[in-house]
Protein backbone atom coordinates (compact mmCIF):
# COMPACT_ATOMS: atom_id res chain seq x y z
CA UNK A 1 -0.58 89.63 -8.57
CA UNK A 2 -0.90 89.92 -12.25
CA UNK A 3 -1.84 93.13 -13.55
CA UNK A 4 -4.48 92.91 -16.00
CA UNK A 5 -4.25 95.58 -18.96
CA UNK A 6 -5.89 96.36 -21.56
CA UNK A 7 -5.01 95.75 -25.22
CA UNK A 8 -6.62 98.27 -27.15
CA UNK A 9 -3.86 100.01 -28.25
CA UNK A 10 -1.75 96.91 -29.80
CA UNK A 11 -5.46 96.02 -31.78
CA UNK A 12 -5.71 99.87 -32.94
CA UNK A 13 -2.14 100.62 -33.62
CA UNK A 14 -2.24 99.00 -36.87
CA UNK A 15 -6.47 100.51 -38.32
CA UNK A 16 -4.47 102.99 -40.98
CA UNK A 17 -3.37 99.73 -42.17
CA UNK A 18 -6.18 97.86 -42.10
CA UNK A 19 -7.92 100.78 -44.52
CA UNK A 20 -8.95 98.74 -47.89
CA UNK A 21 -7.04 99.06 -51.19
CA UNK A 22 -8.84 101.19 -54.11
CA UNK A 23 -8.47 97.78 -55.99
CA UNK A 24 -10.59 96.33 -53.19
CA UNK A 25 -13.01 99.38 -53.08
CA UNK A 26 -13.46 98.81 -56.61
CA UNK A 27 -13.80 95.26 -56.84
CA UNK A 28 -17.22 96.05 -54.22
CA UNK A 29 -17.88 98.52 -56.62
CA UNK A 30 -18.13 95.81 -59.03
CA UNK A 31 -19.76 93.70 -57.05
CA UNK A 32 -22.50 95.80 -55.65
CA UNK A 33 -25.66 94.81 -57.65
CA UNK A 34 -24.46 90.71 -56.99
CA UNK A 35 -25.02 92.15 -52.82
CA UNK A 36 -28.26 94.20 -53.42
CA UNK A 37 -29.65 91.20 -55.23
CA UNK A 38 -29.03 88.93 -52.72
CA UNK A 39 -30.23 91.37 -50.17
CA UNK A 40 -33.56 91.24 -51.78
CA UNK A 41 -33.90 87.95 -52.23
CA UNK A 42 -32.99 87.23 -47.89
CA UNK A 43 -35.41 89.91 -47.62
CA UNK A 44 -38.34 87.83 -49.35
CA UNK A 45 -36.99 85.04 -47.66
CA UNK A 46 -37.32 86.63 -44.14
CA UNK A 47 -40.78 87.76 -44.92
CA UNK A 48 -41.98 84.28 -45.52
CA UNK A 49 -40.14 82.70 -41.97
CA UNK A 50 -43.12 83.19 -39.61
CA UNK A 51 -45.93 81.89 -41.98
CA UNK A 52 -47.58 79.85 -44.69
CA UNK A 53 -46.38 81.41 -48.03
CA UNK A 54 -48.56 83.51 -50.33
CA UNK A 55 -48.67 83.39 -53.59
CA UNK A 56 -47.57 86.72 -53.94
CA UNK A 57 -44.58 85.81 -51.62
CA UNK A 58 -43.98 83.02 -53.94
CA UNK A 59 -43.36 85.06 -56.87
CA UNK A 60 -41.74 87.45 -55.17
CA UNK A 61 -38.90 85.00 -54.15
CA UNK A 62 -39.10 83.54 -57.66
CA UNK A 63 -38.35 87.13 -58.92
CA UNK A 64 -36.06 87.93 -56.44
CA UNK A 65 -33.94 84.81 -57.36
CA UNK A 66 -34.19 85.30 -60.31
CA UNK A 67 -32.52 88.68 -60.30
CA UNK A 68 -29.50 87.34 -57.95
CA UNK A 69 -29.11 84.99 -60.08
CA UNK A 70 -29.15 87.38 -63.44
CA UNK A 71 -26.53 89.86 -61.62
CA UNK A 72 -24.38 86.56 -60.80
CA UNK A 73 -24.24 86.26 -64.30
CA UNK A 74 -23.76 89.65 -65.35
CA UNK A 75 -20.79 89.10 -62.85
CA UNK A 76 -19.10 86.80 -64.04
CA UNK A 77 -19.72 87.55 -67.90
CA UNK A 78 -18.08 91.27 -66.75
CA UNK A 79 -15.04 89.64 -65.38
CA UNK A 80 -14.92 86.97 -68.06
CA UNK A 81 -14.82 89.71 -70.37
CA UNK A 82 -12.07 91.30 -69.04
CA UNK A 83 -9.55 88.63 -68.27
CA UNK A 84 -9.47 87.35 -72.44
CA UNK A 85 -7.08 88.79 -74.52
CA UNK A 86 -7.56 90.65 -77.89
CA UNK A 87 -11.57 90.05 -77.59
CA UNK A 88 -13.41 89.04 -80.71
CA UNK A 89 -14.56 91.53 -83.32
């Protein structure tokens, strides 16, 4: 007969090693505006799933889509500016 044992100790034994590093937390912090804009876009889209979108819903989705794109552009520009050596004066 084989014994059934828990593997929780083996899985959680390395929990301290799985914490995010400071660099990873900084990256998440930099991407937070994009994450929040995407959540706002998803919220606007979810509202219209069970009904026909009204003009107000369409405007809300367009506005949220523009904010999400603007947040992505800002993130890319910030990353590109940080990686360029020197800088134009």
